[in-house]
Amino acid sequence: EEVKIGFEDLLKRLQTDYIDIGMIHYVD
């Protein structure tokens, strides 16, 4: 749920409806 909220916030603040590369963050 946090992942979804964070991504929707990303789109809204960047004023775009898509991201070219959706990078799953920091998997070590």
mmCIF file of all heavy atoms, coordinates in Angstrom:
data_MODEL
# 
_entry.id   MODEL 
# 
loop_
_atom_site.group_PDB 
_atom_site.id 
_atom_site.type_symbol 
_atom_site.label_atom_id 
_atom_site.label_alt_id 
_atom_site.label_comp_id 
_atom_site.label_asym_id 
_atom_site.label_entity_id 
_atom_site.label_seq_id 
_atom_site.pdbx_PDB_ins_code 
_atom_site.Cartn_x 
_atom_site.Cartn_y 
_atom_site.Cartn_z 
_atom_site.occupancy 
_atom_site.B_iso_or_equiv 
_atom_site.pdbx_formal_charge 
_atom_site.auth_seq_id 
_atom_site.auth_comp_id 
_atom_site.auth_asym_id 
_atom_site.auth_atom_id 
_atom_site.pdbx_PDB_model_num 
ATOM 1   N N   . GLU A 1 1  ? 0.829  -1.206 0.000   1.00 0.00 ? 1  GLU A N   1 
ATOM 2   C CA  . GLU A 1 1  ? 0.000  0.000  0.000   1.00 0.00 ? 1  GLU A CA  1 
ATOM 3   C C   . GLU A 1 1  ? 0.865  1.258  0.000   1.00 0.00 ? 1  GLU A C   1 
ATOM 4   O O   . GLU A 1 1  ? 0.541  2.245  -0.668  1.00 0.00 ? 1  GLU A O   1 
ATOM 5   C CB  . GLU A 1 1  ? -0.961 -0.001 1.191   1.00 0.00 ? 1  GLU A CB  1 
ATOM 6   C CG  . GLU A 1 1  ? -2.088 -1.015 1.061   1.00 0.00 ? 1  GLU A CG  1 
ATOM 7   C CD  . GLU A 1 1  ? -2.859 -0.865 -0.247  1.00 0.00 ? 1  GLU A CD  1 
ATOM 8   O OE1 . GLU A 1 1  ? -3.172 0.284  -0.628  1.00 0.00 ? 1  GLU A OE1 1 
ATOM 9   O OE2 . GLU A 1 1  ? -3.113 -1.892 -0.904  1.00 0.00 ? 1  GLU A OE2 1 
ATOM 10  N N   . GLU A 1 2  ? 1.971  1.214  0.737   1.00 0.00 ? 2  GLU A N   1 
ATOM 11  C CA  . GLU A 1 2  ? 2.888  2.358  0.729   1.00 0.00 ? 2  GLU A CA  1 
ATOM 12  C C   . GLU A 1 2  ? 3.561  2.496  -0.632  1.00 0.00 ? 2  GLU A C   1 
ATOM 13  O O   . GLU A 1 2  ? 3.778  3.616  -1.119  1.00 0.00 ? 2  GLU A O   1 
ATOM 14  C CB  . GLU A 1 2  ? 3.938  2.188  1.824   1.00 0.00 ? 2  GLU A CB  1 
ATOM 15  C CG  . GLU A 1 2  ? 3.388  2.318  3.230   1.00 0.00 ? 2  GLU A CG  1 
ATOM 16  C CD  . GLU A 1 2  ? 4.457  2.200  4.303   1.00 0.00 ? 2  GLU A CD  1 
ATOM 17  O OE1 . GLU A 1 2  ? 5.547  1.637  4.010   1.00 0.00 ? 2  GLU A OE1 1 
ATOM 18  O OE2 . GLU A 1 2  ? 4.208  2.672  5.425   1.00 0.00 ? 2  GLU A OE2 1 
ATOM 19  N N   . VAL A 1 3  ? 3.896  1.366  -1.244  1.00 0.00 ? 3  VAL A N   1 
ATOM 20  C CA  . VAL A 1 3  ? 4.506  1.394  -2.578  1.00 0.00 ? 3  VAL A CA  1 
ATOM 21  C C   . VAL A 1 3  ? 3.551  2.051  -3.577  1.00 0.00 ? 3  VAL A C   1 
ATOM 22  O O   . VAL A 1 3  ? 3.948  2.908  -4.379  1.00 0.00 ? 3  VAL A O   1 
ATOM 23  C CB  . VAL A 1 3  ? 4.873  -0.028 -3.043  1.00 0.00 ? 3  VAL A CB  1 
ATOM 24  C CG1 . VAL A 1 3  ? 5.330  -0.021 -4.500  1.00 0.00 ? 3  VAL A CG1 1 
ATOM 25  C CG2 . VAL A 1 3  ? 5.965  -0.621 -2.158  1.00 0.00 ? 3  VAL A CG2 1 
ATOM 26  N N   . LYS A 1 4  ? 2.288  1.670  -3.519  1.00 0.00 ? 4  LYS A N   1 
ATOM 27  C CA  . LYS A 1 4  ? 1.291  2.225  -4.441  1.00 0.00 ? 4  LYS A CA  1 
ATOM 28  C C   . LYS A 1 4  ? 1.096  3.725  -4.211  1.00 0.00 ? 4  LYS A C   1 
ATOM 29  O O   . LYS A 1 4  ? 1.063  4.514  -5.167  1.00 0.00 ? 4  LYS A O   1 
ATOM 30  C CB  . LYS A 1 4  ? -0.034 1.493  -4.277  1.00 0.00 ? 4  LYS A CB  1 
ATOM 31  C CG  . LYS A 1 4  ? -0.018 0.060  -4.784  1.00 0.00 ? 4  LYS A CG  1 
ATOM 32  C CD  . LYS A 1 4  ? -1.371 -0.618 -4.568  1.00 0.00 ? 4  LYS A CD  1 
ATOM 33  C CE  . LYS A 1 4  ? -1.363 -2.039 -5.120  1.00 0.00 ? 4  LYS A CE  1 
ATOM 34  N NZ  . LYS A 1 4  ? -2.672 -2.721 -4.915  1.00 0.00 ? 4  LYS A NZ  1 
ATOM 35  N N   . ILE A 1 5  ? 0.979  4.121  -2.959  1.00 0.00 ? 5  ILE A N   1 
ATOM 36  C CA  . ILE A 1 5  ? 0.789  5.545  -2.640  1.00 0.00 ? 5  ILE A CA  1 
ATOM 37  C C   . ILE A 1 5  ? 2.008  6.340  -3.105  1.00 0.00 ? 5  ILE A C   1 
ATOM 38  O O   . ILE A 1 5  ? 1.885  7.430  -3.678  1.00 0.00 ? 5  ILE A O   1 
ATOM 39  C CB  . ILE A 1 5  ? 0.552  5.728  -1.136  1.00 0.00 ? 5  ILE A CB  1 
ATOM 40  C CG1 . ILE A 1 5  ? -0.820 5.157  -0.744  1.00 0.00 ? 5  ILE A CG1 1 
ATOM 41  C CG2 . ILE A 1 5  ? 0.632  7.210  -0.747  1.00 0.00 ? 5  ILE A CG2 1 
ATOM 42  C CD1 . ILE A 1 5  ? -1.053 5.088  0.750   1.00 0.00 ? 5  ILE A CD1 1 
ATOM 43  N N   . GLY A 1 6  ? 3.204  5.780  -2.872  1.00 0.00 ? 6  GLY A N   1 
ATOM 44  C CA  . GLY A 1 6  ? 4.427  6.471  -3.275  1.00 0.00 ? 6  GLY A CA  1 
ATOM 45  C C   . GLY A 1 6  ? 4.519  6.651  -4.776  1.00 0.00 ? 6  GLY A C   1 
ATOM 46  O O   . GLY A 1 6  ? 4.957  7.702  -5.263  1.00 0.00 ? 6  GLY A O   1 
ATOM 47  N N   . PHE A 1 7  ? 4.096  5.635  -5.542  1.00 0.00 ? 7  PHE A N   1 
ATOM 48  C CA  . PHE A 1 7  ? 4.174  5.742  -6.997  1.00 0.00 ? 7  PHE A CA  1 
ATOM 49  C C   . PHE A 1 7  ? 3.151  6.736  -7.536  1.00 0.00 ? 7  PHE A C   1 
ATOM 50  O O   . PHE A 1 7  ? 3.454  7.524  -8.444  1.00 0.00 ? 7  PHE A O   1 
ATOM 51  C CB  . PHE A 1 7  ? 3.975  4.383  -7.648  1.00 0.00 ? 7  PHE A CB  1 
ATOM 52  C CG  . PHE A 1 7  ? 4.104  4.420  -9.143  1.00 0.00 ? 7  PHE A CG  1 
ATOM 53  C CD1 . PHE A 1 7  ? 5.336  4.572  -9.737  1.00 0.00 ? 7  PHE A CD1 1 
ATOM 54  C CD2 . PHE A 1 7  ? 2.977  4.348  -9.960  1.00 0.00 ? 7  PHE A CD2 1 
ATOM 55  C CE1 . PHE A 1 7  ? 5.474  4.634  -11.117 1.00 0.00 ? 7  PHE A CE1 1 
ATOM 56  C CE2 . PHE A 1 7  ? 3.104  4.404  -11.335 1.00 0.00 ? 7  PHE A CE2 1 
ATOM 57  C CZ  . PHE A 1 7  ? 4.360  4.545  -11.914 1.00 0.00 ? 7  PHE A CZ  1 
ATOM 58  N N   . GLU A 1 8  ? 1.943  6.715  -7.013  1.00 0.00 ? 8  GLU A N   1 
ATOM 59  C CA  . GLU A 1 8  ? 0.940  7.668  -7.467  1.00 0.00 ? 8  GLU A CA  1 
ATOM 60  C C   . GLU A 1 8  ? 1.352  9.101  -7.141  1.00 0.00 ? 8  GLU A C   1 
ATOM 61  O O   . GLU A 1 8  ? 1.118  10.026 -7.932  1.00 0.00 ? 8  GLU A O   1 
ATOM 62  C CB  . GLU A 1 8  ? -0.422 7.346  -6.837  1.00 0.00 ? 8  GLU A CB  1 
ATOM 63  C CG  . GLU A 1 8  ? -1.041 6.048  -7.353  1.00 0.00 ? 8  GLU A CG  1 
ATOM 64  C CD  . GLU A 1 8  ? -1.211 6.033  -8.864  1.00 0.00 ? 8  GLU A CD  1 
ATOM 65  O OE1 . GLU A 1 8  ? -1.548 7.089  -9.445  1.00 0.00 ? 8  GLU A OE1 1 
ATOM 66  O OE2 . GLU A 1 8  ? -1.010 4.964  -9.477  1.00 0.00 ? 8  GLU A OE2 1 
ATOM 67  N N   . ASP A 1 9  ? 2.008  9.277  -5.987  1.00 0.00 ? 9  ASP A N   1 
ATOM 68  C CA  . ASP A 1 9  ? 2.530  10.598 -5.645  1.00 0.00 ? 9  ASP A CA  1 
ATOM 69  C C   . ASP A 1 9  ? 3.612  11.014 -6.632  1.00 0.00 ? 9  ASP A C   1 
ATOM 70  O O   . ASP A 1 9  ? 3.693  12.193 -7.028  1.00 0.00 ? 9  ASP A O   1 
ATOM 71  C CB  . ASP A 1 9  ? 3.101  10.571 -4.221  1.00 0.00 ? 9  ASP A CB  1 
ATOM 72  C CG  . ASP A 1 9  ? 3.734  11.895 -3.817  1.00 0.00 ? 9  ASP A CG  1 
ATOM 73  O OD1 . ASP A 1 9  ? 2.990  12.826 -3.465  1.00 0.00 ? 9  ASP A OD1 1 
ATOM 74  O OD2 . ASP A 1 9  ? 4.986  11.994 -3.863  1.00 0.00 ? 9  ASP A OD2 1 
ATOM 75  N N   . LEU A 1 10 ? 4.426  10.059 -7.033  1.00 0.00 ? 10 LEU A N   1 
ATOM 76  C CA  . LEU A 1 10 ? 5.484  10.329 -8.015  1.00 0.00 ? 10 LEU A CA  1 
ATOM 77  C C   . LEU A 1 10 ? 4.894  10.854 -9.318  1.00 0.00 ? 10 LEU A C   1 
ATOM 78  O O   . LEU A 1 10 ? 5.333  11.887 -9.850  1.00 0.00 ? 10 LEU A O   1 
ATOM 79  C CB  . LEU A 1 10 ? 6.275  9.052  -8.268  1.00 0.00 ? 10 LEU A CB  1 
ATOM 80  C CG  . LEU A 1 10 ? 7.341  9.082  -9.360  1.00 0.00 ? 10 LEU A CG  1 
ATOM 81  C CD1 . LEU A 1 10 ? 8.511  9.955  -8.939  1.00 0.00 ? 10 LEU A CD1 1 
ATOM 82  C CD2 . LEU A 1 10 ? 7.834  7.672  -9.677  1.00 0.00 ? 10 LEU A CD2 1 
ATOM 83  N N   . LEU A 1 11 ? 3.900  10.160 -9.850  1.00 0.00 ? 11 LEU A N   1 
ATOM 84  C CA  . LEU A 1 11 ? 3.272  10.595 -11.098 1.00 0.00 ? 11 LEU A CA  1 
ATOM 85  C C   . LEU A 1 11 ? 2.653  11.982 -10.953 1.00 0.00 ? 11 LEU A C   1 
ATOM 86  O O   . LEU A 1 11 ? 2.798  12.838 -11.836 1.00 0.00 ? 11 LEU A O   1 
ATOM 87  C CB  . LEU A 1 11 ? 2.206  9.595  -11.525 1.00 0.00 ? 11 LEU A CB  1 
ATOM 88  C CG  . LEU A 1 11 ? 2.657  8.204  -11.976 1.00 0.00 ? 11 LEU A CG  1 
ATOM 89  C CD1 . LEU A 1 11 ? 1.454  7.381  -12.412 1.00 0.00 ? 11 LEU A CD1 1 
ATOM 90  C CD2 . LEU A 1 11 ? 3.679  8.290  -13.103 1.00 0.00 ? 11 LEU A CD2 1 
ATOM 91  N N   . LYS A 1 12 ? 1.958  12.190 -9.850  1.00 0.00 ? 12 LYS A N   1 
ATOM 92  C CA  . LYS A 1 12 ? 1.270  13.466 -9.637  1.00 0.00 ? 12 LYS A CA  1 
ATOM 93  C C   . LYS A 1 12 ? 2.260  14.614 -9.566  1.00 0.00 ? 12 LYS A C   1 
ATOM 94  O O   . LYS A 1 12 ? 2.068  15.654 -10.211 1.00 0.00 ? 12 LYS A O   1 
ATOM 95  C CB  . LYS A 1 12 ? 0.447  13.389 -8.354  1.00 0.00 ? 12 LYS A CB  1 
ATOM 96  C CG  . LYS A 1 12 ? -0.302 14.677 -8.020  1.00 0.00 ? 12 LYS A CG  1 
ATOM 97  C CD  . LYS A 1 12 ? -1.100 14.528 -6.729  1.00 0.00 ? 12 LYS A CD  1 
ATOM 98  C CE  . LYS A 1 12 ? -1.805 15.824 -6.358  1.00 0.00 ? 12 LYS A CE  1 
ATOM 99  N NZ  . LYS A 1 12 ? -2.565 15.686 -5.076  1.00 0.00 ? 12 LYS A NZ  1 
ATOM 100 N N   . ARG A 1 13 ? 3.311  14.446 -8.791  1.00 0.00 ? 13 ARG A N   1 
ATOM 101 C CA  . ARG A 1 13 ? 4.266  15.550 -8.599  1.00 0.00 ? 13 ARG A CA  1 
ATOM 102 C C   . ARG A 1 13 ? 5.128  15.783 -9.839  1.00 0.00 ? 13 ARG A C   1 
ATOM 103 O O   . ARG A 1 13 ? 5.542  16.914 -10.097 1.00 0.00 ? 13 ARG A O   1 
ATOM 104 C CB  . ARG A 1 13 ? 5.131  15.283 -7.376  1.00 0.00 ? 13 ARG A CB  1 
ATOM 105 C CG  . ARG A 1 13 ? 4.342  15.354 -6.072  1.00 0.00 ? 13 ARG A CG  1 
ATOM 106 C CD  . ARG A 1 13 ? 5.225  15.182 -4.847  1.00 0.00 ? 13 ARG A CD  1 
ATOM 107 N NE  . ARG A 1 13 ? 4.438  15.244 -3.630  1.00 0.00 ? 13 ARG A NE  1 
ATOM 108 C CZ  . ARG A 1 13 ? 4.068  16.373 -3.025  1.00 0.00 ? 13 ARG A CZ  1 
ATOM 109 N NH1 . ARG A 1 13 ? 4.444  17.539 -3.543  1.00 0.00 ? 13 ARG A NH1 1 
ATOM 110 N NH2 . ARG A 1 13 ? 3.348  16.347 -1.923  1.00 0.00 ? 13 ARG A NH2 1 
ATOM 111 N N   . LEU A 1 14 ? 5.397  14.719 -10.600 1.00 0.00 ? 14 LEU A N   1 
ATOM 112 C CA  . LEU A 1 14 ? 6.146  14.901 -11.846 1.00 0.00 ? 14 LEU A CA  1 
ATOM 113 C C   . LEU A 1 14 ? 5.256  15.370 -12.995 1.00 0.00 ? 14 LEU A C   1 
ATOM 114 O O   . LEU A 1 14 ? 5.759  15.664 -14.086 1.00 0.00 ? 14 LEU A O   1 
ATOM 115 C CB  . LEU A 1 14 ? 6.849  13.595 -12.234 1.00 0.00 ? 14 LEU A CB  1 
ATOM 116 C CG  . LEU A 1 14 ? 8.006  13.143 -11.345 1.00 0.00 ? 14 LEU A CG  1 
ATOM 117 C CD1 . LEU A 1 14 ? 8.645  11.870 -11.906 1.00 0.00 ? 14 LEU A CD1 1 
ATOM 118 C CD2 . LEU A 1 14 ? 9.071  14.233 -11.195 1.00 0.00 ? 14 LEU A CD2 1 
ATOM 119 N N   . GLN A 1 15 ? 3.950  15.403 -12.758 1.00 0.00 ? 15 GLN A N   1 
ATOM 120 C CA  . GLN A 1 15 ? 2.971  15.862 -13.748 1.00 0.00 ? 15 GLN A CA  1 
ATOM 121 C C   . GLN A 1 15 ? 3.073  15.053 -15.042 1.00 0.00 ? 15 GLN A C   1 
ATOM 122 O O   . GLN A 1 15 ? 3.120  15.587 -16.149 1.00 0.00 ? 15 GLN A O   1 
ATOM 123 C CB  . GLN A 1 15 ? 3.160  17.360 -14.021 1.00 0.00 ? 15 GLN A CB  1 
ATOM 124 C CG  . GLN A 1 15 ? 3.039  18.228 -12.772 1.00 0.00 ? 15 GLN A CG  1 
ATOM 125 C CD  . GLN A 1 15 ? 3.281  19.686 -13.039 1.00 0.00 ? 15 GLN A CD  1 
ATOM 126 O OE1 . GLN A 1 15 ? 2.653  20.278 -13.920 1.00 0.00 ? 15 GLN A OE1 1 
ATOM 127 N NE2 . GLN A 1 15 ? 4.188  20.301 -12.278 1.00 0.00 ? 15 GLN A NE2 1 
ATOM 128 N N   . THR A 1 16 ? 3.106  13.741 -14.867 1.00 0.00 ? 16 THR A N   1 
ATOM 129 C CA  . THR A 1 16 ? 3.191  12.833 -16.002 1.00 0.00 ? 16 THR A CA  1 
ATOM 130 C C   . THR A 1 16 ? 2.292  11.642 -15.754 1.00 0.00 ? 16 THR A C   1 
ATOM 131 O O   . THR A 1 16 ? 1.906  11.382 -14.608 1.00 0.00 ? 16 THR A O   1 
ATOM 132 C CB  . THR A 1 16 ? 4.654  12.366 -16.220 1.00 0.00 ? 16 THR A CB  1 
ATOM 133 O OG1 . THR A 1 16 ? 4.727  11.576 -17.397 1.00 0.00 ? 16 THR A OG1 1 
ATOM 134 C CG2 . THR A 1 16 ? 5.154  11.541 -15.040 1.00 0.00 ? 16 THR A CG2 1 
ATOM 135 N N   . ASP A 1 17 ? 1.931  10.932 -16.807 1.00 0.00 ? 17 ASP A N   1 
ATOM 136 C CA  . ASP A 1 17 ? 1.097  9.743  -16.627 1.00 0.00 ? 17 ASP A CA  1 
ATOM 137 C C   . ASP A 1 17 ? 1.887  8.454  -16.849 1.00 0.00 ? 17 ASP A C   1 
ATOM 138 O O   . ASP A 1 17 ? 1.311  7.375  -16.868 1.00 0.00 ? 17 ASP A O   1 
ATOM 139 C CB  . ASP A 1 17 ? -0.127 9.783  -17.545 1.00 0.00 ? 17 ASP A CB  1 
ATOM 140 C CG  . ASP A 1 17 ? 0.247  9.942  -19.007 1.00 0.00 ? 17 ASP A CG  1 
ATOM 141 O OD1 . ASP A 1 17 ? 1.453  9.945  -19.323 1.00 0.00 ? 17 ASP A OD1 1 
ATOM 142 O OD2 . ASP A 1 17 ? -0.678 10.062 -19.844 1.00 0.00 ? 17 ASP A OD2 1 
ATOM 143 N N   . TYR A 1 18 ? 3.209  8.565  -17.027 1.00 0.00 ? 18 TYR A N   1 
ATOM 144 C CA  . TYR A 1 18 ? 4.021  7.354  -17.161 1.00 0.00 ? 18 TYR A CA  1 
ATOM 145 C C   . TYR A 1 18 ? 5.467  7.624  -16.764 1.00 0.00 ? 18 TYR A C   1 
ATOM 146 O O   . TYR A 1 18 ? 5.935  8.764  -16.783 1.00 0.00 ? 18 TYR A O   1 
ATOM 147 C CB  . TYR A 1 18 ? 3.988  6.826  -18.603 1.00 0.00 ? 18 TYR A CB  1 
ATOM 148 C CG  . TYR A 1 18 ? 4.797  7.677  -19.574 1.00 0.00 ? 18 TYR A CG  1 
ATOM 149 C CD1 . TYR A 1 18 ? 6.098  7.305  -19.928 1.00 0.00 ? 18 TYR A CD1 1 
ATOM 150 C CD2 . TYR A 1 18 ? 4.268  8.841  -20.139 1.00 0.00 ? 18 TYR A CD2 1 
ATOM 151 C CE1 . TYR A 1 18 ? 6.842  8.073  -20.806 1.00 0.00 ? 18 TYR A CE1 1 
ATOM 152 C CE2 . TYR A 1 18 ? 5.002  9.605  -21.025 1.00 0.00 ? 18 TYR A CE2 1 
ATOM 153 C CZ  . TYR A 1 18 ? 6.295  9.226  -21.348 1.00 0.00 ? 18 TYR A CZ  1 
ATOM 154 O OH  . TYR A 1 18 ? 7.041  9.998  -22.222 1.00 0.00 ? 18 TYR A OH  1 
ATOM 155 N N   . ILE A 1 19 ? 6.152  6.560  -16.415 1.00 0.00 ? 19 ILE A N   1 
ATOM 156 C CA  . ILE A 1 19 ? 7.590  6.567  -16.142 1.00 0.00 ? 19 ILE A CA  1 
ATOM 157 C C   . ILE A 1 19 ? 8.235  5.596  -17.129 1.00 0.00 ? 19 ILE A C   1 
ATOM 158 O O   . ILE A 1 19 ? 7.742  4.490  -17.336 1.00 0.00 ? 19 ILE A O   1 
ATOM 159 C CB  . ILE A 1 19 ? 7.890  6.124  -14.690 1.00 0.00 ? 19 ILE A CB  1 
ATOM 160 C CG1 . ILE A 1 19 ? 7.237  7.075  -13.685 1.00 0.00 ? 19 ILE A CG1 1 
ATOM 161 C CG2 . ILE A 1 19 ? 9.394  6.021  -14.456 1.00 0.00 ? 19 ILE A CG2 1 
ATOM 162 C CD1 . ILE A 1 19 ? 7.754  8.493  -13.735 1.00 0.00 ? 19 ILE A CD1 1 
ATOM 163 N N   . ASP A 1 20 ? 9.332  6.003  -17.727 1.00 0.00 ? 20 ASP A N   1 
ATOM 164 C CA  . ASP A 1 20 ? 9.970  5.149  -18.738 1.00 0.00 ? 20 ASP A CA  1 
ATOM 165 C C   . ASP A 1 20 ? 10.526 3.869  -18.115 1.00 0.00 ? 20 ASP A C   1 
ATOM 166 O O   . ASP A 1 20 ? 10.288 2.774  -18.622 1.00 0.00 ? 20 ASP A O   1 
ATOM 167 C CB  . ASP A 1 20 ? 11.085 5.930  -19.440 1.00 0.00 ? 20 ASP A CB  1 
ATOM 168 C CG  . ASP A 1 20 ? 10.540 7.156  -20.154 1.00 0.00 ? 20 ASP A CG  1 
ATOM 169 O OD1 . ASP A 1 20 ? 10.071 7.024  -21.287 1.00 0.00 ? 20 ASP A OD1 1 
ATOM 170 O OD2 . ASP A 1 20 ? 10.567 8.242  -19.546 1.00 0.00 ? 20 ASP A OD2 1 
ATOM 171 N N   . ILE A 1 21 ? 11.299 4.012  -17.035 1.00 0.00 ? 21 ILE A N   1 
ATOM 172 C CA  . ILE A 1 21 ? 11.868 2.854  -16.342 1.00 0.00 ? 21 ILE A CA  1 
ATOM 173 C C   . ILE A 1 21 ? 11.379 2.886  -14.898 1.00 0.00 ? 21 ILE A C   1 
ATOM 174 O O   . ILE A 1 21 ? 11.765 3.769  -14.129 1.00 0.00 ? 21 ILE A O   1 
ATOM 175 C CB  . ILE A 1 21 ? 13.412 2.854  -16.340 1.00 0.00 ? 21 ILE A CB  1 
ATOM 176 C CG1 . ILE A 1 21 ? 13.967 3.162  -17.735 1.00 0.00 ? 21 ILE A CG1 1 
ATOM 177 C CG2 . ILE A 1 21 ? 13.934 1.528  -15.800 1.00 0.00 ? 21 ILE A CG2 1 
ATOM 178 C CD1 . ILE A 1 21 ? 13.633 2.150  -18.782 1.00 0.00 ? 21 ILE A CD1 1 
ATOM 179 N N   . GLY A 1 22 ? 10.532 1.933  -14.539 1.00 0.00 ? 22 GLY A N   1 
ATOM 180 C CA  . GLY A 1 22 ? 10.085 1.820  -13.152 1.00 0.00 ? 22 GLY A CA  1 
ATOM 181 C C   . GLY A 1 22 ? 11.064 0.950  -12.388 1.00 0.00 ? 22 GLY A C   1 
ATOM 182 O O   . GLY A 1 22 ? 11.073 -0.272 -12.526 1.00 0.00 ? 22 GLY A O   1 
ATOM 183 N N   . MET A 1 23 ? 11.904 1.574  -11.595 1.00 0.00 ? 23 MET A N   1 
ATOM 184 C CA  . MET A 1 23 ? 13.040 0.910  -10.959 1.00 0.00 ? 23 MET A CA  1 
ATOM 185 C C   . MET A 1 23 ? 12.652 0.384  -9.575  1.00 0.00 ? 23 MET A C   1 
ATOM 186 O O   . MET A 1 23 ? 12.380 1.169  -8.667  1.00 0.00 ? 23 MET A O   1 
ATOM 187 C CB  . MET A 1 23 ? 14.186 1.927  -10.843 1.00 0.00 ? 23 MET A CB  1 
ATOM 188 C CG  . MET A 1 23 ? 15.515 1.376  -10.421 1.00 0.00 ? 23 MET A CG  1 
ATOM 189 S SD  . MET A 1 23 ? 16.318 0.320  -11.645 1.00 0.00 ? 23 MET A SD  1 
ATOM 190 C CE  . MET A 1 23 ? 16.413 1.399  -13.070 1.00 0.00 ? 23 MET A CE  1 
ATOM 191 N N   . ILE A 1 24 ? 12.592 -0.951 -9.425  1.00 0.00 ? 24 ILE A N   1 
ATOM 192 C CA  . ILE A 1 24 ? 12.364 -1.521 -8.092  1.00 0.00 ? 24 ILE A CA  1 
ATOM 193 C C   . ILE A 1 24 ? 13.593 -1.196 -7.250  1.00 0.00 ? 24 ILE A C   1 
ATOM 194 O O   . ILE A 1 24 ? 14.713 -1.555 -7.591  1.00 0.00 ? 24 ILE A O   1 
ATOM 195 C CB  . ILE A 1 24 ? 12.129 -3.042 -8.164  1.00 0.00 ? 24 ILE A CB  1 
ATOM 196 C CG1 . ILE A 1 24 ? 10.879 -3.328 -8.992  1.00 0.00 ? 24 ILE A CG1 1 
ATOM 197 C CG2 . ILE A 1 24 ? 11.989 -3.616 -6.760  1.00 0.00 ? 24 ILE A CG2 1 
ATOM 198 C CD1 . ILE A 1 24 ? 10.632 -4.798 -9.254  1.00 0.00 ? 24 ILE A CD1 1 
ATOM 199 N N   . HIS A 1 25 ? 13.375 -0.525 -6.139  1.00 0.00 ? 25 HIS A N   1 
ATOM 200 C CA  . HIS A 1 25 ? 14.459 0.152  -5.430  1.00 0.00 ? 25 HIS A CA  1 
ATOM 201 C C   . HIS A 1 25 ? 15.223 -0.748 -4.478  1.00 0.00 ? 25 HIS A C   1 
ATOM 202 O O   . HIS A 1 25 ? 14.637 -1.402 -3.620  1.00 0.00 ? 25 HIS A O   1 
ATOM 203 C CB  . HIS A 1 25 ? 13.868 1.338  -4.659  1.00 0.00 ? 25 HIS A CB  1 
ATOM 204 C CG  . HIS A 1 25 ? 14.886 2.176  -3.951  1.00 0.00 ? 25 HIS A CG  1 
ATOM 205 N ND1 . HIS A 1 25 ? 15.839 2.900  -4.627  1.00 0.00 ? 25 HIS A ND1 1 
ATOM 206 C CD2 . HIS A 1 25 ? 15.101 2.410  -2.623  1.00 0.00 ? 25 HIS A CD2 1 
ATOM 207 C CE1 . HIS A 1 25 ? 16.593 3.549  -3.752  1.00 0.00 ? 25 HIS A CE1 1 
ATOM 208 N NE2 . HIS A 1 25 ? 16.173 3.262  -2.536  1.00 0.00 ? 25 HIS A NE2 1 
ATOM 209 N N   . TYR A 1 26 ? 16.547 -0.826 -4.688  1.00 0.00 ? 26 TYR A N   1 
ATOM 210 C CA  . TYR A 1 26 ? 17.504 -1.261 -3.685  1.00 0.00 ? 26 TYR A CA  1 
ATOM 211 C C   . TYR A 1 26 ? 17.234 -2.670 -3.157  1.00 0.00 ? 26 TYR A C   1 
ATOM 212 O O   . TYR A 1 26 ? 16.776 -2.855 -2.036  1.00 0.00 ? 26 TYR A O   1 
ATOM 213 C CB  . TYR A 1 26 ? 17.518 -0.233 -2.552  1.00 0.00 ? 26 TYR A CB  1 
ATOM 214 C CG  . TYR A 1 26 ? 18.521 -0.410 -1.445  1.00 0.00 ? 26 TYR A CG  1 
ATOM 215 C CD1 . TYR A 1 26 ? 19.517 -1.376 -1.495  1.00 0.00 ? 26 TYR A CD1 1 
ATOM 216 C CD2 . TYR A 1 26 ? 18.454 0.423  -0.322  1.00 0.00 ? 26 TYR A CD2 1 
ATOM 217 C CE1 . TYR A 1 26 ? 20.420 -1.514 -0.454  1.00 0.00 ? 26 TYR A CE1 1 
ATOM 218 C CE2 . TYR A 1 26 ? 19.351 0.286  0.720   1.00 0.00 ? 26 TYR A CE2 1 
ATOM 219 C CZ  . TYR A 1 26 ? 20.331 -0.685 0.660   1.00 0.00 ? 26 TYR A CZ  1 
ATOM 220 O OH  . TYR A 1 26 ? 21.225 -0.821 1.699   1.00 0.00 ? 26 TYR A OH  1 
ATOM 221 N N   . VAL A 1 27 ? 17.564 -3.659 -3.991  1.00 0.00 ? 27 VAL A N   1 
ATOM 222 C CA  . VAL A 1 27 ? 17.431 -5.062 -3.587  1.00 0.00 ? 27 VAL A CA  1 
ATOM 223 C C   . VAL A 1 27 ? 18.831 -5.672 -3.530  1.00 0.00 ? 27 VAL A C   1 
ATOM 224 O O   . VAL A 1 27 ? 19.434 -5.957 -4.563  1.00 0.00 ? 27 VAL A O   1 
ATOM 225 C CB  . VAL A 1 27 ? 16.548 -5.850 -4.579  1.00 0.00 ? 27 VAL A CB  1 
ATOM 226 C CG1 . VAL A 1 27 ? 16.391 -7.294 -4.115  1.00 0.00 ? 27 VAL A CG1 1 
ATOM 227 C CG2 . VAL A 1 27 ? 15.176 -5.190 -4.715  1.00 0.00 ? 27 VAL A CG2 1 
ATOM 228 N N   . ASP A 1 28 ? 19.348 -5.853 -2.314  1.00 0.00 ? 28 ASP A N   1 
ATOM 229 C CA  . ASP A 1 28 ? 20.701 -6.379 -2.121  1.00 0.00 ? 28 ASP A CA  1 
ATOM 230 C C   . ASP A 1 28 ? 20.733 -7.746 -1.442  1.00 0.00 ? 28 ASP A C   1 
ATOM 231 O O   . ASP A 1 28 ? 21.664 -8.518 -1.658  1.00 0.00 ? 28 ASP A O   1 
ATOM 232 C CB  . ASP A 1 28 ? 21.543 -5.407 -1.284  1.00 0.00 ? 28 ASP A CB  1 
ATOM 233 C CG  . ASP A 1 28 ? 22.078 -4.237 -2.094  1.00 0.00 ? 28 ASP A CG  1 
ATOM 234 O OD1 . ASP A 1 28 ? 21.800 -4.177 -3.309  1.00 0.00 ? 28 ASP A OD1 1 
ATOM 235 O OD2 . ASP A 1 28 ? 22.760 -3.379 -1.515  1.00 0.00 ? 28 ASP A OD2 1 
# 
